[in-house]
């Protein structure tokens, strides 16, 4: 576990988690969300020492929770010397300011924890720009609160982001940085669009791997393509997209792109900031939705991914489900049940390799409509083209008529373009 400094250079930041049960929401759901928040905090480097579950009829506009519950939390903060209180729901700037005064310690929300993790894991210049843009947009309406407490701020979760002594100067500088990052990311988007056009010219199918964070997307990419992408048992271990080529059983070439993992209550600002990365999803021919079938709340995780896909406007794209982690007994049983609900689907273990051949075949089948089925007449003197057909097409039959080879087969788009000048009979 990483260390985040609070009251001294050697103290680990300690966190108290607050979950709020609204109306008909079950306590079990809130506890599950707090379990996930605890994992987020541990990934951020804090040590979770306590949690509080509140049931409220309506949100208190000043403190989010009732005043009595705020006093109870304050007592626990003092008794256990808690350095950070983390709410599982988003707080308004006023609520955050009031809660810090009432509790006498730093107060952050789930969004700030996620932003902190993204800041830790961003490796490339593009990733760092996207994270800082999301941080600045989150900080801007909260600037007065941050500025008021500058003299006593410590390091730790939620504290990433610039701050100056003069509020108006801060606001102007932040707006300037936001504009600069947006312009730079627009250039990134243009560059990515040019890369995609180049891939289209090759005729390769584009497959985006999507899924809940820690579902095993990077491990699956490594297993399918032999890549060496970082794959750790940690939330948001990889942020930057990685694209690798794969040859499918029908000899069709495809590109697999691993994208950032999704999560429940994923901050909208983060989705907006990562549009340059997530455009890989919007331009894909097929979405490969990797699901952790061993997780007890797997249906909730799948729904969370559906919500983000809908936000990106790609919910109607063709989807192939890969129910992962069937090397766990619970995962194998759940995968069998889920496959009857979500189709088409394959059960796999990215860790052991079980089911990967079936997954490759399913990818080829789902991308089949990009292949052209035809019967072509190619002169034997077209040696290079014939060699390309033998290596790149799925040949059903070959006959010879005079000086021509009569080939019946499935041709990928790039190869089909080369065959266009010749006499063709399509089925």
Protein backbone atom coordinates (compact mmCIF):
# COMPACT_ATOMS: atom_id res chain seq x y z
CA UNK A 1 0.00 0.00 0.00
CA UNK A 2 1.33 3.43 -0.87
CA UNK A 3 1.75 6.13 1.73
CA UNK A 4 0.19 9.57 1.71
CA UNK A 5 1.43 12.02 4.29
CA UNK A 6 -0.97 13.82 6.60
CA UNK A 7 0.06 15.17 9.97
CA UNK A 8 3.73 14.27 9.68
CA UNK A 9 6.21 12.99 7.13
CA UNK A 10 5.84 9.42 8.41
CA UNK A 11 2.13 9.14 9.12
CA UNK A 12 -0.10 7.20 6.78
CA UNK A 13 -3.24 9.07 5.79
CA UNK A 14 -6.17 7.51 7.64
CA UNK A 15 -9.66 7.62 6.21
CA UNK A 16 -13.19 7.35 7.54
CA UNK A 17 -15.72 6.45 4.87
CA UNK A 18 -19.28 7.80 4.84
CA UNK A 19 -22.00 6.02 2.88
CA UNK A 20 -25.51 7.46 2.61
CA UNK A 21 -28.62 5.33 2.17
CA UNK A 22 -31.26 7.22 0.22
CA UNK A 23 -34.95 6.30 0.39
CA UNK A 24 -35.61 2.78 -0.94
CA UNK A 25 -31.93 2.02 -1.48
CA UNK A 26 -30.87 -1.05 0.47
CA UNK A 27 -28.17 -1.00 3.13
CA UNK A 28 -26.51 -3.89 1.28
CA UNK A 29 -26.07 -1.69 -1.81
CA UNK A 30 -24.53 1.11 0.26
CA UNK A 31 -22.16 -1.35 1.97
CA UNK A 32 -21.11 -2.69 -1.44
CA UNK A 33 -20.39 0.85 -2.64
CA UNK A 34 -18.35 1.46 0.52
CA UNK A 35 -16.36 -1.72 -0.13
CA UNK A 36 -15.47 -0.32 -3.54
CA UNK A 37 -14.68 3.10 -2.05
CA UNK A 38 -12.36 1.37 0.42
CA UNK A 39 -10.50 -0.25 -2.48
CA UNK A 40 -10.25 3.14 -4.18
CA UNK A 41 -8.80 4.73 -1.03
CA UNK A 42 -6.31 1.90 -0.59
CA UNK A 43 -5.28 2.26 -4.24
CA UNK A 44 -4.79 5.99 -3.57
CA UNK A 45 -2.49 5.11 -0.66
CA UNK A 46 -4.71 5.74 2.38
CA UNK A 47 -5.59 3.37 5.18
CA UNK A 48 -9.31 2.96 5.83
CA UNK A 49 -9.87 2.67 9.58
CA UNK A 50 -13.60 3.20 9.94
CA UNK A 51 -16.86 3.58 8.03
CA UNK A 52 -20.19 5.18 8.83
CA UNK A 53 -23.53 4.32 7.22
CA UNK A 54 -26.20 7.05 7.26
CA UNK A 55 -29.87 6.79 6.29
CA UNK A 56 -31.46 10.07 5.24
CA UNK A 57 -34.82 11.03 3.79
CA UNK A 58 -33.43 14.05 1.95
CA UNK A 59 -30.05 15.65 1.42
CA UNK A 60 -29.13 18.42 3.86
CA UNK A 61 -28.10 21.33 1.58
CA UNK A 62 -25.57 22.55 4.16
CA UNK A 63 -23.95 19.33 5.41
CA UNK A 64 -25.33 16.63 3.09
CA UNK A 65 -26.08 14.52 6.21
CA UNK A 66 -28.05 15.66 9.25
CA UNK A 67 -26.41 17.79 11.92
CA UNK A 68 -26.69 15.01 14.49
CA UNK A 69 -24.91 12.55 12.20
CA UNK A 70 -22.24 15.17 11.45
CA UNK A 71 -21.60 15.51 15.20
CA UNK A 72 -21.33 11.73 15.52
CA UNK A 73 -18.77 11.63 12.71
CA UNK A 74 -16.85 14.53 14.32
CA UNK A 75 -16.64 12.55 17.58
CA UNK A 76 -15.16 9.56 15.74
CA UNK A 77 -12.71 11.80 13.90
CA UNK A 78 -11.42 13.22 17.18
CA UNK A 79 -11.35 9.86 18.98
CA UNK A 80 -9.41 8.04 16.22
CA UNK A 81 -7.45 11.06 14.95
CA UNK A 82 -8.82 10.61 11.43
CA UNK A 83 -6.98 12.70 8.86
CA UNK A 84 -9.53 12.43 6.02
CA UNK A 85 -13.28 11.85 5.80
CA UNK A 86 -14.38 10.46 2.43
CA UNK A 87 -18.00 10.66 1.26
CA UNK A 88 -19.14 8.11 -1.31
CA UNK A 89 -21.35 10.73 -2.98
CA UNK A 90 -20.38 14.02 -4.62
CA UNK A 91 -20.43 17.06 -2.35
CA UNK A 92 -21.15 20.61 -3.40
CA UNK A 93 -18.46 23.20 -2.68
CA UNK A 94 -20.59 24.61 0.19
CA UNK A 95 -21.15 21.17 1.71
CA UNK A 96 -17.45 20.38 1.57
CA UNK A 97 -16.57 23.69 3.22
CA UNK A 98 -19.21 23.30 5.95
CA UNK A 99 -18.26 19.71 6.67
CA UNK A 100 -14.58 20.57 7.08
CA UNK A 101 -15.53 23.21 9.62
CA UNK A 102 -17.92 20.85 11.45
CA UNK A 103 -15.61 17.83 11.47
CA UNK A 104 -12.32 19.63 11.97
CA UNK A 105 -10.49 17.64 9.29
CA UNK A 106 -10.11 17.30 5.54
CA UNK A 107 -13.29 16.20 3.73
CA UNK A 108 -13.30 14.87 0.16
CA UNK A 109 -15.70 12.90 -2.00
CA UNK A 110 -15.50 9.86 -4.25
CA UNK A 111 -14.72 11.95 -7.33
CA UNK A 112 -11.63 13.44 -5.68
CA UNK A 113 -10.35 9.96 -4.79
CA UNK A 114 -10.77 8.78 -8.38
CA UNK A 115 -9.04 11.91 -9.71
CA UNK A 116 -6.17 11.30 -7.30
CA UNK A 117 -5.76 7.71 -8.53
CA UNK A 118 -5.81 8.85 -12.15
CA UNK A 119 -3.13 11.42 -11.33
CA UNK A 120 -0.98 8.67 -9.78
CA UNK A 121 -1.35 6.29 -12.73
CA UNK A 122 -1.11 8.66 -15.70
CA UNK A 123 2.15 7.84 -17.46
CA UNK A 124 2.05 9.58 -20.83
CA UNK A 125 1.86 13.29 -21.55
CA UNK A 126 -1.61 12.78 -23.00
CA UNK A 127 -2.79 10.94 -19.90
CA UNK A 128 -1.42 13.60 -17.57
CA UNK A 129 -3.09 16.36 -19.61
CA UNK A 130 -6.45 14.60 -19.47
CA UNK A 131 -6.21 14.05 -15.73
CA UNK A 132 -5.15 17.61 -14.99
CA UNK A 133 -7.95 18.97 -17.15
CA UNK A 134 -10.48 16.95 -15.13
CA UNK A 135 -8.87 18.14 -11.87
CA UNK A 136 -8.96 21.79 -12.90
CA UNK A 137 -12.60 21.59 -14.00
CA UNK A 138 -13.47 19.97 -10.68
CA UNK A 139 -11.47 22.54 -8.74
CA UNK A 140 -12.79 25.68 -10.43
CA UNK A 141 -16.19 25.93 -8.63
CA UNK A 142 -14.47 24.91 -5.37
CA UNK A 143 -11.68 27.44 -5.61
CA UNK A 144 -12.92 29.67 -2.81
CA UNK A 145 -12.95 26.77 -0.37
CA UNK A 146 -9.47 25.63 -1.43
CA UNK A 147 -8.09 29.18 -1.31
CA UNK A 148 -9.51 29.81 2.17
CA UNK A 149 -7.64 26.83 3.59
CA UNK A 150 -4.39 27.07 1.66
CA UNK A 151 -2.34 27.80 4.76
CA UNK A 152 -3.23 24.47 6.38
CA UNK A 153 -3.56 22.11 3.43
CA UNK A 154 -1.56 18.91 3.58
CA UNK A 155 -0.74 16.33 0.95
CA UNK A 156 -2.95 13.35 0.32
CA UNK A 157 -6.07 12.28 -1.51
CA UNK A 158 -7.93 15.06 -3.25
CA UNK A 159 -5.17 17.60 -2.82
CA UNK A 160 -3.82 17.46 -6.37
CA UNK A 161 -4.38 20.71 -8.22
CA UNK A 162 -2.98 24.22 -8.35
CA UNK A 163 -3.66 26.95 -5.85
CA UNK A 164 -2.51 30.58 -5.48
CA UNK A 165 -2.96 33.27 -2.86
CA UNK A 166 -5.20 35.55 -4.86
CA UNK A 167 -8.58 34.08 -5.74
CA UNK A 168 -9.25 36.01 -8.95
CA UNK A 169 -5.73 35.43 -10.20
CA UNK A 170 -6.20 31.73 -9.47
CA UNK A 171 -9.46 31.59 -11.37
CA UNK A 172 -7.99 33.34 -14.40
CA UNK A 173 -4.92 31.11 -14.47
CA UNK A 174 -7.00 27.97 -14.11
CA UNK A 175 -9.27 29.03 -16.98
CA UNK A 176 -6.19 29.71 -19.11
CA UNK A 177 -4.80 26.24 -18.31
CA UNK A 178 -8.15 24.62 -19.09
CA UNK A 179 -8.24 26.35 -22.49
CA UNK A 180 -4.65 25.28 -23.21
CA UNK A 181 -5.28 21.65 -22.24
CA UNK A 182 -8.44 21.54 -24.36
CA UNK A 183 -6.54 22.87 -27.35
CA UNK A 184 -3.68 20.39 -26.84
CA UNK A 185 -6.12 17.49 -26.46
CA UNK A 186 -7.90 18.57 -29.62
CA UNK A 187 -4.57 18.11 -31.41
CA UNK A 188 -4.30 14.66 -29.82
CA UNK A 189 -7.76 13.82 -31.15
CA UNK A 190 -6.77 14.92 -34.67
CA UNK A 191 -3.61 12.79 -34.46
CA UNK A 192 -5.60 9.76 -33.31
CA UNK A 193 -8.12 10.31 -36.10
CA UNK A 194 -5.28 10.26 -38.64
CA UNK A 195 -3.97 7.03 -37.09
CA UNK A 196 -7.42 5.47 -37.40
CA UNK A 197 -7.66 6.52 -41.05
CA UNK A 198 -4.35 4.78 -41.66
CA UNK A 199 -5.67 1.62 -40.05
CA UNK A 200 -8.82 1.84 -42.15
CA UNK A 201 -6.70 1.96 -45.29
CA UNK A 202 -5.26 -1.42 -44.29
CA UNK A 203 -8.80 -2.74 -43.94
CA UNK A 204 -8.26 -4.03 -40.39
CA UNK A 205 -11.24 -4.46 -38.10
CA UNK A 206 -11.15 -2.23 -35.01
CA UNK A 207 -12.11 -3.80 -31.68
CA UNK A 208 -12.22 -1.81 -28.43
CA UNK A 209 -11.93 -3.66 -25.14
CA UNK A 210 -14.24 -2.11 -22.56
CA UNK A 211 -15.27 -3.16 -19.08
CA UNK A 212 -15.33 -2.39 -15.40
CA UNK A 213 -12.01 -1.49 -13.82
CA UNK A 214 -10.01 -4.56 -12.72
CA UNK A 215 -12.12 -6.92 -14.89
CA UNK A 216 -8.96 -8.25 -16.56
CA UNK A 217 -8.91 -6.24 -19.80
CA UNK A 218 -5.14 -5.79 -19.98
CA UNK A 219 -4.49 -9.43 -19.07
CA UNK A 220 -6.88 -10.48 -21.84
CA UNK A 221 -5.13 -8.21 -24.37
CA UNK A 222 -1.81 -9.77 -23.38
CA UNK A 223 -3.23 -13.28 -23.75
CA UNK A 224 -4.76 -12.66 -27.16
CA UNK A 225 -1.90 -10.74 -28.75
CA UNK A 226 1.24 -11.55 -26.76
CA UNK A 227 1.49 -7.91 -25.64
CA UNK A 228 3.21 -6.91 -22.41
CA UNK A 229 0.72 -4.34 -21.13
CA UNK A 230 0.87 -3.65 -17.39
CA UNK A 231 -1.72 -5.89 -15.73
CA UNK A 232 -2.09 -5.55 -11.95
CA UNK A 233 -4.79 -6.53 -9.47
CA UNK A 234 -5.51 -2.88 -8.83
CA UNK A 235 -8.20 -0.36 -9.77
CA UNK A 236 -7.30 1.79 -12.80
CA UNK A 237 -3.87 0.15 -13.17
CA UNK A 238 -3.67 1.37 -16.79
CA UNK A 239 -5.09 4.61 -18.19
CA UNK A 240 -3.42 5.06 -21.54
CA UNK A 241 -4.89 3.12 -24.50
CA UNK A 242 -2.80 0.34 -26.00
CA UNK A 243 -3.44 -1.07 -29.49
CA UNK A 244 -2.13 -4.43 -30.72
CA UNK A 245 -2.72 -6.43 -33.91
CA UNK A 246 -4.27 -9.90 -33.89
CA UNK A 247 -4.73 -12.41 -36.69
CA UNK A 248 -8.06 -14.20 -36.39
CA UNK A 249 -8.77 -17.82 -37.41
CA UNK A 250 -10.22 -16.73 -40.78
CA UNK A 251 -6.94 -14.90 -41.50
CA UNK A 252 -8.61 -11.56 -40.96
CA UNK A 253 -6.40 -8.94 -39.32
CA UNK A 254 -7.88 -6.90 -36.49
CA UNK A 255 -6.66 -4.31 -34.02
CA UNK A 256 -7.49 -4.63 -30.31
CA UNK A 257 -7.42 -1.48 -28.20
CA UNK A 258 -7.41 -1.65 -24.41
CA UNK A 259 -9.19 1.40 -22.93
CA UNK A 260 -9.52 2.92 -19.46
CA UNK A 261 -11.71 0.93 -17.08
CA UNK A 262 -15.14 2.18 -16.04
CA UNK A 263 -16.62 2.33 -12.54
CA UNK A 264 -19.88 3.16 -10.85
CA UNK A 265 -20.33 6.89 -10.34
CA UNK A 266 -17.54 7.63 -12.82
CA UNK A 267 -17.21 11.43 -12.73
CA UNK A 268 -18.77 13.01 -15.81
CA UNK A 269 -15.87 15.47 -16.01
CA UNK A 270 -13.47 12.56 -16.26
CA UNK A 271 -15.43 11.08 -19.16
CA UNK A 272 -15.32 14.48 -20.87
CA UNK A 273 -11.59 14.92 -20.24
CA UNK A 274 -10.82 11.44 -21.58
CA UNK A 275 -12.81 11.92 -24.79
CA UNK A 276 -9.57 11.80 -26.81
CA UNK A 277 -8.89 8.33 -25.40
CA UNK A 278 -12.48 7.12 -25.41
CA UNK A 279 -12.90 8.04 -29.08
CA UNK A 280 -11.24 4.68 -29.73
CA UNK A 281 -14.51 3.21 -28.41
CA UNK A 282 -16.71 5.41 -30.58
CA UNK A 283 -14.84 4.47 -33.77
CA UNK A 284 -14.67 0.71 -33.14
CA UNK A 285 -16.37 -1.86 -35.36
CA UNK A 286 -16.95 -4.09 -32.33
CA UNK A 287 -16.88 -3.67 -28.55
CA UNK A 288 -15.39 -6.51 -26.52
CA UNK A 289 -17.01 -6.14 -23.08
CA UNK A 290 -14.82 -7.94 -20.53
CA UNK A 291 -16.74 -8.91 -17.40
CA UNK A 292 -15.37 -10.14 -14.06
CA UNK A 293 -17.74 -13.09 -13.67
CA UNK A 294 -16.27 -13.90 -10.24
CA UNK A 295 -17.50 -10.63 -8.69
CA UNK A 296 -20.61 -10.97 -6.49
CA UNK A 297 -22.14 -7.76 -7.92
CA UNK A 298 -21.30 -8.50 -11.52
CA UNK A 299 -24.71 -7.35 -12.81
CA UNK A 300 -24.21 -3.92 -11.20
CA UNK A 301 -20.78 -3.63 -12.80
CA UNK A 302 -22.17 -4.51 -16.23
CA UNK A 303 -24.91 -1.92 -15.80
CA UNK A 304 -22.31 0.71 -14.85
CA UNK A 305 -20.44 -0.01 -18.09
CA UNK A 306 -23.71 0.22 -20.03
CA UNK A 307 -24.32 3.68 -18.52
CA UNK A 308 -20.92 4.99 -19.66
CA UNK A 309 -21.34 3.46 -23.12
CA UNK A 310 -24.70 5.18 -23.40
CA UNK A 311 -23.08 8.46 -22.34
CA UNK A 312 -20.54 7.99 -25.15
CA UNK A 313 -23.35 7.26 -27.62
CA UNK A 314 -22.11 3.77 -28.51
CA UNK A 315 -24.61 1.57 -26.70
CA UNK A 316 -26.00 0.36 -30.03
CA UNK A 317 -22.64 -0.85 -31.39
CA UNK A 318 -22.16 -4.61 -31.79
CA UNK A 319 -20.95 -6.09 -28.49
CA UNK A 320 -19.26 -9.40 -27.73
CA UNK A 321 -19.17 -10.32 -24.02
CA UNK A 322 -16.14 -12.08 -22.55
CA UNK A 323 -17.03 -13.46 -19.12
CA UNK A 324 -13.62 -13.58 -17.51
CA UNK A 325 -12.08 -15.30 -14.46
CA UNK A 326 -13.74 -18.68 -14.91
CA UNK A 327 -10.67 -20.12 -13.19
CA UNK A 328 -12.58 -19.12 -10.02
CA UNK A 329 -15.43 -21.54 -9.17
CA UNK A 330 -17.83 -18.61 -8.62
CA UNK A 331 -16.77 -17.10 -11.92
CA UNK A 332 -17.44 -20.29 -13.87
CA UNK A 333 -20.92 -20.68 -12.37
CA UNK A 334 -21.89 -17.04 -12.91
CA UNK A 335 -20.51 -17.03 -16.45
CA UNK A 336 -22.73 -19.99 -17.34
CA UNK A 337 -25.79 -18.16 -16.00
CA UNK A 338 -24.92 -14.82 -17.58
CA UNK A 339 -24.33 -16.28 -21.05
CA UNK A 340 -28.02 -17.07 -21.29
CA UNK A 341 -28.83 -13.39 -20.67
CA UNK A 342 -26.10 -11.55 -22.57
CA UNK A 343 -25.25 -12.82 -26.02
CA UNK A 344 -23.15 -13.32 -28.01
CA UNK A 345 -20.66 -14.28 -25.32
CA UNK A 346 -17.66 -16.45 -24.47
CA UNK A 347 -16.44 -17.72 -21.10
CA UNK A 348 -12.69 -17.26 -20.64
CA UNK A 349 -9.85 -17.11 -18.17
CA UNK A 350 -7.39 -14.47 -19.29
CA UNK A 351 -4.99 -15.68 -16.60
CA UNK A 352 -4.84 -19.36 -17.63
CA UNK A 353 -5.73 -18.97 -21.33
CA UNK A 354 -8.85 -21.15 -21.14
CA UNK A 355 -11.43 -20.15 -23.76
CA UNK A 356 -9.13 -17.79 -25.69
CA UNK A 357 -9.30 -19.88 -28.88
CA UNK A 358 -13.09 -19.77 -28.68
CA UNK A 359 -12.89 -16.01 -28.15
CA UNK A 360 -10.70 -15.58 -31.24
CA UNK A 361 -13.23 -17.56 -33.27
CA UNK A 362 -16.08 -15.44 -31.88
CA UNK A 363 -14.22 -12.24 -32.81
CA UNK A 364 -13.74 -13.56 -36.35
CA UNK A 365 -17.42 -14.43 -36.56
CA UNK A 366 -18.55 -11.00 -35.30
CA UNK A 367 -16.26 -9.23 -37.78
CA UNK A 368 -17.32 -11.56 -40.60
CA UNK A 369 -19.60 -8.98 -42.18
CA UNK A 370 -16.50 -6.94 -43.02
CA UNK A 371 -15.30 -9.81 -45.26
CA UNK A 372 -16.42 -10.11 -48.88
CA UNK A 373 -17.50 -13.54 -50.08
CA UNK A 374 -16.76 -13.84 -53.80
CA UNK A 375 -15.62 -16.00 -56.69
CA UNK A 376 -12.79 -14.31 -58.58
CA UNK A 377 -10.77 -15.01 -61.76
CA UNK A 378 -7.12 -13.98 -61.31
CA UNK A 379 -4.56 -14.31 -64.15
CA UNK A 380 -1.69 -16.59 -63.14
CA UNK A 381 0.78 -13.86 -64.10
CA UNK A 382 -0.48 -11.82 -61.11
CA UNK A 383 1.98 -13.63 -58.86
CA UNK A 384 2.04 -11.07 -56.07
CA UNK A 385 -1.73 -10.81 -55.87
CA UNK A 386 -2.10 -14.60 -55.79
CA UNK A 387 0.45 -14.76 -52.97
CA UNK A 388 -1.46 -12.07 -51.06
CA UNK A 389 -4.71 -13.99 -51.54
CA UNK A 390 -3.16 -17.21 -50.25
CA UNK A 391 -1.80 -15.47 -47.15
CA UNK A 392 -4.62 -13.02 -46.44
CA UNK A 393 -7.90 -14.58 -47.60
CA UNK A 394 -9.93 -17.51 -46.37
CA UNK A 395 -9.99 -19.75 -49.45
CA UNK A 396 -12.96 -22.06 -49.88
CA UNK A 397 -11.85 -23.59 -53.19
CA UNK A 398 -9.37 -23.03 -56.02
CA UNK A 399 -9.73 -24.17 -59.63
CA UNK A 400 -7.74 -23.43 -62.77
CA UNK A 401 -9.22 -22.39 -66.09
CA UNK A 402 -6.68 -21.67 -68.80
CA UNK A 403 -4.41 -18.85 -67.63
CA UNK A 404 -6.60 -17.96 -64.63
CA UNK A 405 -7.02 -19.19 -61.10
CA UNK A 406 -10.69 -19.33 -60.10
CA UNK A 407 -10.81 -18.70 -56.35
CA UNK A 408 -13.86 -18.87 -54.13
CA UNK A 409 -13.23 -17.35 -50.72
CA UNK A 410 -13.62 -14.66 -48.08
CA UNK A 411 -11.60 -11.50 -48.68
CA UNK A 412 -10.81 -8.71 -46.19
CA UNK A 413 -11.53 -5.16 -47.45
CA UNK A 414 -7.91 -4.25 -48.16
CA UNK A 415 -7.38 -7.37 -50.27
CA UNK A 416 -10.74 -6.98 -51.93
CA UNK A 417 -9.71 -3.56 -53.24
CA UNK A 418 -6.77 -5.18 -55.03
CA UNK A 419 -9.06 -7.73 -56.66
CA UNK A 420 -11.54 -5.13 -57.96
CA UNK A 421 -10.00 -4.72 -61.49
CA UNK A 422 -10.62 -8.40 -62.25
CA UNK A 423 -13.77 -10.13 -63.33
CA UNK A 424 -15.68 -11.02 -60.17
CA UNK A 425 -18.73 -13.12 -59.51
CA UNK A 426 -20.20 -12.45 -56.07
CA UNK A 427 -22.60 -14.71 -54.23
